N, C-alpha and C. Protein backbone atom coordinates (compact mmCIF):
# COMPACT_ATOMS: atom_id res chain seq x y z
N MET A 1 56.55 66.82 -59.93
CA MET A 1 55.49 66.66 -60.88
C MET A 1 55.11 68.02 -61.47
N SER A 2 54.97 68.10 -62.75
CA SER A 2 54.64 69.35 -63.38
C SER A 2 53.21 69.78 -63.07
N LYS A 3 52.96 71.08 -63.26
CA LYS A 3 51.65 71.61 -62.99
C LYS A 3 50.58 70.92 -63.84
N SER A 4 50.89 70.68 -65.09
CA SER A 4 49.92 70.04 -66.02
C SER A 4 49.62 68.61 -65.57
N ALA A 5 50.61 67.86 -65.14
CA ALA A 5 50.39 66.50 -64.68
C ALA A 5 49.57 66.48 -63.39
N ALA A 6 49.83 67.45 -62.51
CA ALA A 6 49.06 67.57 -61.28
C ALA A 6 47.61 67.88 -61.57
N GLN A 7 47.38 68.78 -62.53
CA GLN A 7 46.03 69.12 -62.88
C GLN A 7 45.32 67.93 -63.53
N THR A 8 46.02 67.19 -64.37
CA THR A 8 45.41 65.99 -64.96
C THR A 8 45.04 64.97 -63.91
N ARG A 9 45.95 64.78 -62.97
CA ARG A 9 45.68 63.83 -61.87
C ARG A 9 44.50 64.27 -61.06
N ALA A 10 44.39 65.55 -60.73
CA ALA A 10 43.26 66.07 -59.96
C ALA A 10 41.98 65.92 -60.74
N THR A 11 42.03 66.14 -62.03
CA THR A 11 40.83 66.00 -62.85
C THR A 11 40.36 64.54 -62.89
N ILE A 12 41.28 63.62 -63.06
CA ILE A 12 40.92 62.21 -63.10
C ILE A 12 40.38 61.77 -61.73
N GLN A 13 40.98 62.22 -60.62
CA GLN A 13 40.49 61.88 -59.31
C GLN A 13 39.06 62.43 -59.10
N SER A 14 38.83 63.64 -59.58
CA SER A 14 37.49 64.22 -59.48
C SER A 14 36.48 63.42 -60.28
N MET A 15 36.87 63.01 -61.48
CA MET A 15 35.97 62.22 -62.30
C MET A 15 35.65 60.87 -61.65
N ILE A 16 36.62 60.25 -61.02
CA ILE A 16 36.41 58.98 -60.34
C ILE A 16 35.47 59.20 -59.17
N THR A 17 35.66 60.25 -58.43
CA THR A 17 34.80 60.56 -57.26
C THR A 17 33.36 60.79 -57.71
N LEU A 18 33.19 61.57 -58.76
CA LEU A 18 31.83 61.85 -59.26
C LEU A 18 31.17 60.59 -59.82
N ALA A 19 31.94 59.80 -60.57
CA ALA A 19 31.36 58.55 -61.10
C ALA A 19 30.99 57.56 -59.99
N SER A 20 31.84 57.52 -58.95
CA SER A 20 31.55 56.63 -57.81
C SER A 20 30.28 57.08 -57.10
N ALA A 21 30.13 58.40 -56.92
CA ALA A 21 28.93 58.90 -56.29
C ALA A 21 27.68 58.60 -57.09
N ALA A 22 27.77 58.80 -58.42
CA ALA A 22 26.63 58.54 -59.30
C ALA A 22 26.26 57.07 -59.28
N LEU A 23 27.24 56.18 -59.36
CA LEU A 23 26.96 54.76 -59.33
C LEU A 23 26.42 54.32 -57.97
N GLY A 24 26.94 54.92 -56.93
CA GLY A 24 26.40 54.67 -55.58
C GLY A 24 24.94 55.03 -55.46
N LEU A 25 24.56 56.17 -56.07
CA LEU A 25 23.16 56.60 -56.06
C LEU A 25 22.29 55.62 -56.82
N VAL A 26 22.75 55.13 -57.98
CA VAL A 26 22.00 54.16 -58.74
C VAL A 26 21.81 52.88 -57.94
N CYS A 27 22.84 52.43 -57.28
CA CYS A 27 22.75 51.23 -56.47
C CYS A 27 21.80 51.45 -55.27
N ALA A 28 21.86 52.61 -54.65
CA ALA A 28 20.99 52.88 -53.51
C ALA A 28 19.53 52.89 -53.97
N LEU A 29 19.26 53.49 -55.13
CA LEU A 29 17.88 53.49 -55.63
C LEU A 29 17.41 52.08 -55.96
N ALA A 30 18.28 51.25 -56.49
CA ALA A 30 17.92 49.86 -56.81
C ALA A 30 17.59 49.11 -55.53
N TRP A 31 18.46 49.27 -54.52
CA TRP A 31 18.19 48.62 -53.22
C TRP A 31 16.90 49.16 -52.61
N ASN A 32 16.66 50.43 -52.73
CA ASN A 32 15.45 51.03 -52.23
C ASN A 32 14.23 50.34 -52.81
N ASP A 33 14.22 50.19 -54.13
CA ASP A 33 13.07 49.49 -54.78
C ASP A 33 12.95 48.06 -54.32
N ALA A 34 14.11 47.37 -54.19
CA ALA A 34 14.07 45.95 -53.80
C ALA A 34 13.53 45.84 -52.39
N ILE A 35 13.96 46.68 -51.47
CA ILE A 35 13.53 46.60 -50.08
C ILE A 35 12.02 46.96 -50.00
N LYS A 36 11.64 47.99 -50.73
CA LYS A 36 10.22 48.34 -50.76
C LYS A 36 9.33 47.21 -51.22
N SER A 37 9.79 46.53 -52.30
CA SER A 37 9.02 45.41 -52.82
C SER A 37 8.95 44.27 -51.80
N ALA A 38 10.07 44.02 -51.11
CA ALA A 38 10.09 42.97 -50.12
C ALA A 38 9.15 43.31 -48.95
N MET A 39 9.17 44.58 -48.56
CA MET A 39 8.29 44.98 -47.46
C MET A 39 6.82 44.90 -47.86
N LYS A 40 6.52 45.23 -49.12
CA LYS A 40 5.14 45.09 -49.57
C LYS A 40 4.72 43.63 -49.63
N SER A 41 5.64 42.76 -49.96
CA SER A 41 5.31 41.32 -49.96
C SER A 41 5.05 40.82 -48.54
N LEU A 42 5.84 41.29 -47.62
CA LEU A 42 5.69 40.84 -46.23
C LEU A 42 4.52 41.50 -45.51
N LEU A 43 4.32 42.79 -45.77
CA LEU A 43 3.27 43.54 -45.05
C LEU A 43 2.03 43.79 -45.82
N GLY A 44 2.03 43.40 -47.09
CA GLY A 44 0.89 43.69 -47.96
C GLY A 44 1.04 45.04 -48.61
N GLU A 45 -0.01 45.43 -49.33
CA GLU A 45 0.04 46.68 -50.09
C GLU A 45 -0.29 47.91 -49.22
N ASP A 46 -0.52 47.70 -47.98
CA ASP A 46 -0.88 48.82 -47.09
C ASP A 46 0.30 49.76 -46.87
N ASP A 47 0.11 51.04 -47.20
CA ASP A 47 1.13 52.06 -46.96
C ASP A 47 0.86 52.78 -45.64
N SER A 48 0.63 51.99 -44.60
CA SER A 48 0.35 52.59 -43.28
C SER A 48 1.60 53.18 -42.69
N LEU A 49 1.38 53.96 -41.67
CA LEU A 49 2.50 54.57 -40.96
C LEU A 49 3.42 53.53 -40.37
N ALA A 50 2.81 52.47 -39.82
CA ALA A 50 3.63 51.36 -39.25
C ALA A 50 4.49 50.72 -40.31
N GLY A 51 3.96 50.50 -41.50
CA GLY A 51 4.71 49.93 -42.59
C GLY A 51 5.87 50.82 -43.03
N LEU A 52 5.61 52.13 -43.08
CA LEU A 52 6.65 53.08 -43.45
C LEU A 52 7.79 53.11 -42.43
N PHE A 53 7.41 53.09 -41.17
CA PHE A 53 8.44 53.09 -40.10
C PHE A 53 9.21 51.79 -40.13
N THR A 54 8.53 50.68 -40.36
CA THR A 54 9.22 49.37 -40.45
C THR A 54 10.23 49.42 -41.57
N TYR A 55 9.80 49.94 -42.73
CA TYR A 55 10.74 50.08 -43.85
C TYR A 55 11.92 50.95 -43.50
N ALA A 56 11.67 52.11 -42.89
CA ALA A 56 12.74 53.02 -42.53
C ALA A 56 13.72 52.39 -41.53
N ILE A 57 13.22 51.68 -40.58
CA ILE A 57 14.08 51.03 -39.58
C ILE A 57 14.90 49.95 -40.27
N LEU A 58 14.27 49.13 -41.10
CA LEU A 58 14.99 48.08 -41.83
C LEU A 58 16.09 48.66 -42.72
N ALA A 59 15.77 49.72 -43.44
CA ALA A 59 16.76 50.35 -44.32
C ALA A 59 17.93 50.91 -43.49
N THR A 60 17.61 51.44 -42.34
CA THR A 60 18.69 52.02 -41.47
C THR A 60 19.58 50.89 -40.98
N ILE A 61 18.99 49.79 -40.53
CA ILE A 61 19.81 48.67 -40.04
C ILE A 61 20.70 48.11 -41.15
N ILE A 62 20.14 47.96 -42.33
CA ILE A 62 20.96 47.48 -43.44
C ILE A 62 22.12 48.43 -43.74
N ALA A 63 21.85 49.72 -43.73
CA ALA A 63 22.86 50.73 -44.00
C ALA A 63 23.98 50.66 -42.98
N VAL A 64 23.61 50.55 -41.71
CA VAL A 64 24.63 50.52 -40.64
C VAL A 64 25.46 49.24 -40.77
N VAL A 65 24.84 48.12 -41.00
CA VAL A 65 25.58 46.87 -41.13
C VAL A 65 26.57 46.94 -42.30
N VAL A 66 26.08 47.44 -43.44
CA VAL A 66 26.97 47.53 -44.61
C VAL A 66 28.13 48.50 -44.33
N LEU A 67 27.85 49.65 -43.75
CA LEU A 67 28.91 50.60 -43.48
C LEU A 67 29.92 50.06 -42.46
N LEU A 68 29.46 49.35 -41.46
CA LEU A 68 30.38 48.75 -40.50
C LEU A 68 31.26 47.69 -41.15
N ALA A 69 30.65 46.89 -42.04
CA ALA A 69 31.45 45.87 -42.77
C ALA A 69 32.51 46.53 -43.67
N LEU A 70 32.10 47.60 -44.35
CA LEU A 70 33.04 48.31 -45.19
C LEU A 70 34.16 48.96 -44.38
N ALA A 71 33.83 49.52 -43.25
CA ALA A 71 34.84 50.13 -42.40
C ALA A 71 35.84 49.07 -41.90
N LYS A 72 35.30 47.93 -41.52
CA LYS A 72 36.17 46.84 -41.05
C LYS A 72 37.10 46.37 -42.14
N ALA A 73 36.55 46.21 -43.36
CA ALA A 73 37.35 45.78 -44.51
C ALA A 73 38.42 46.81 -44.82
N SER A 74 38.05 48.07 -44.76
CA SER A 74 39.00 49.12 -45.03
C SER A 74 40.14 49.16 -43.99
N ALA A 75 39.79 48.93 -42.74
CA ALA A 75 40.80 48.92 -41.69
C ALA A 75 41.76 47.75 -41.89
N LYS A 76 41.25 46.63 -42.34
CA LYS A 76 42.10 45.43 -42.56
C LYS A 76 43.17 45.70 -43.61
N VAL A 77 42.81 46.45 -44.66
CA VAL A 77 43.77 46.68 -45.71
C VAL A 77 44.51 48.00 -45.54
N GLY A 78 44.26 48.68 -44.42
CA GLY A 78 44.99 49.93 -44.15
C GLY A 78 44.49 51.11 -44.96
N GLY A 79 43.24 51.05 -45.37
CA GLY A 79 42.64 52.14 -46.16
C GLY A 79 42.39 53.37 -45.37
N GLU A 80 42.31 54.48 -46.08
CA GLU A 80 41.97 55.73 -45.48
C GLU A 80 40.82 56.32 -46.25
N ALA A 81 40.16 57.30 -45.68
CA ALA A 81 39.10 58.01 -46.38
C ALA A 81 39.67 58.68 -47.61
N SER A 82 38.88 58.66 -48.69
CA SER A 82 39.39 59.28 -49.95
C SER A 82 39.40 60.79 -49.84
N ILE A 83 38.58 61.33 -48.95
CA ILE A 83 38.56 62.76 -48.72
C ILE A 83 38.89 63.02 -47.26
N SER A 84 39.96 63.68 -46.95
CA SER A 84 40.32 63.94 -45.58
C SER A 84 40.15 65.43 -45.32
N ARG A 85 39.82 65.76 -44.06
CA ARG A 85 39.56 67.14 -43.67
C ARG A 85 40.55 67.55 -42.63
N GLU A 86 41.09 68.73 -42.79
CA GLU A 86 42.01 69.27 -41.80
C GLU A 86 41.25 69.56 -40.51
N ALA A 87 41.89 69.39 -39.37
CA ALA A 87 41.25 69.72 -38.12
C ALA A 87 41.05 71.22 -38.03
N GLU A 88 39.84 71.59 -37.55
CA GLU A 88 39.54 73.03 -37.45
C GLU A 88 40.10 73.59 -36.17
N GLY A 89 40.55 74.84 -36.26
CA GLY A 89 40.97 75.48 -35.03
C GLY A 89 42.42 75.70 -34.90
């Protein structure tokens, strides 16, 4: 593969990575608002410490469940991380 083609491929891969991260952030913020609204409906408008911790715990549980499901799906199709790191040392 020529140097120009390799640079083009690297540029496109970088653009896909950046776009994916940006869209992921937009989705995360949307879910954040949805979960906050649901918590306010369940717990009322009170922004007490208990309500904030309940929200944080719920958000953490949802994140873990989603990440485990994605990891399982990735393993089924033989996927690998898009960014791999060399072992140090």
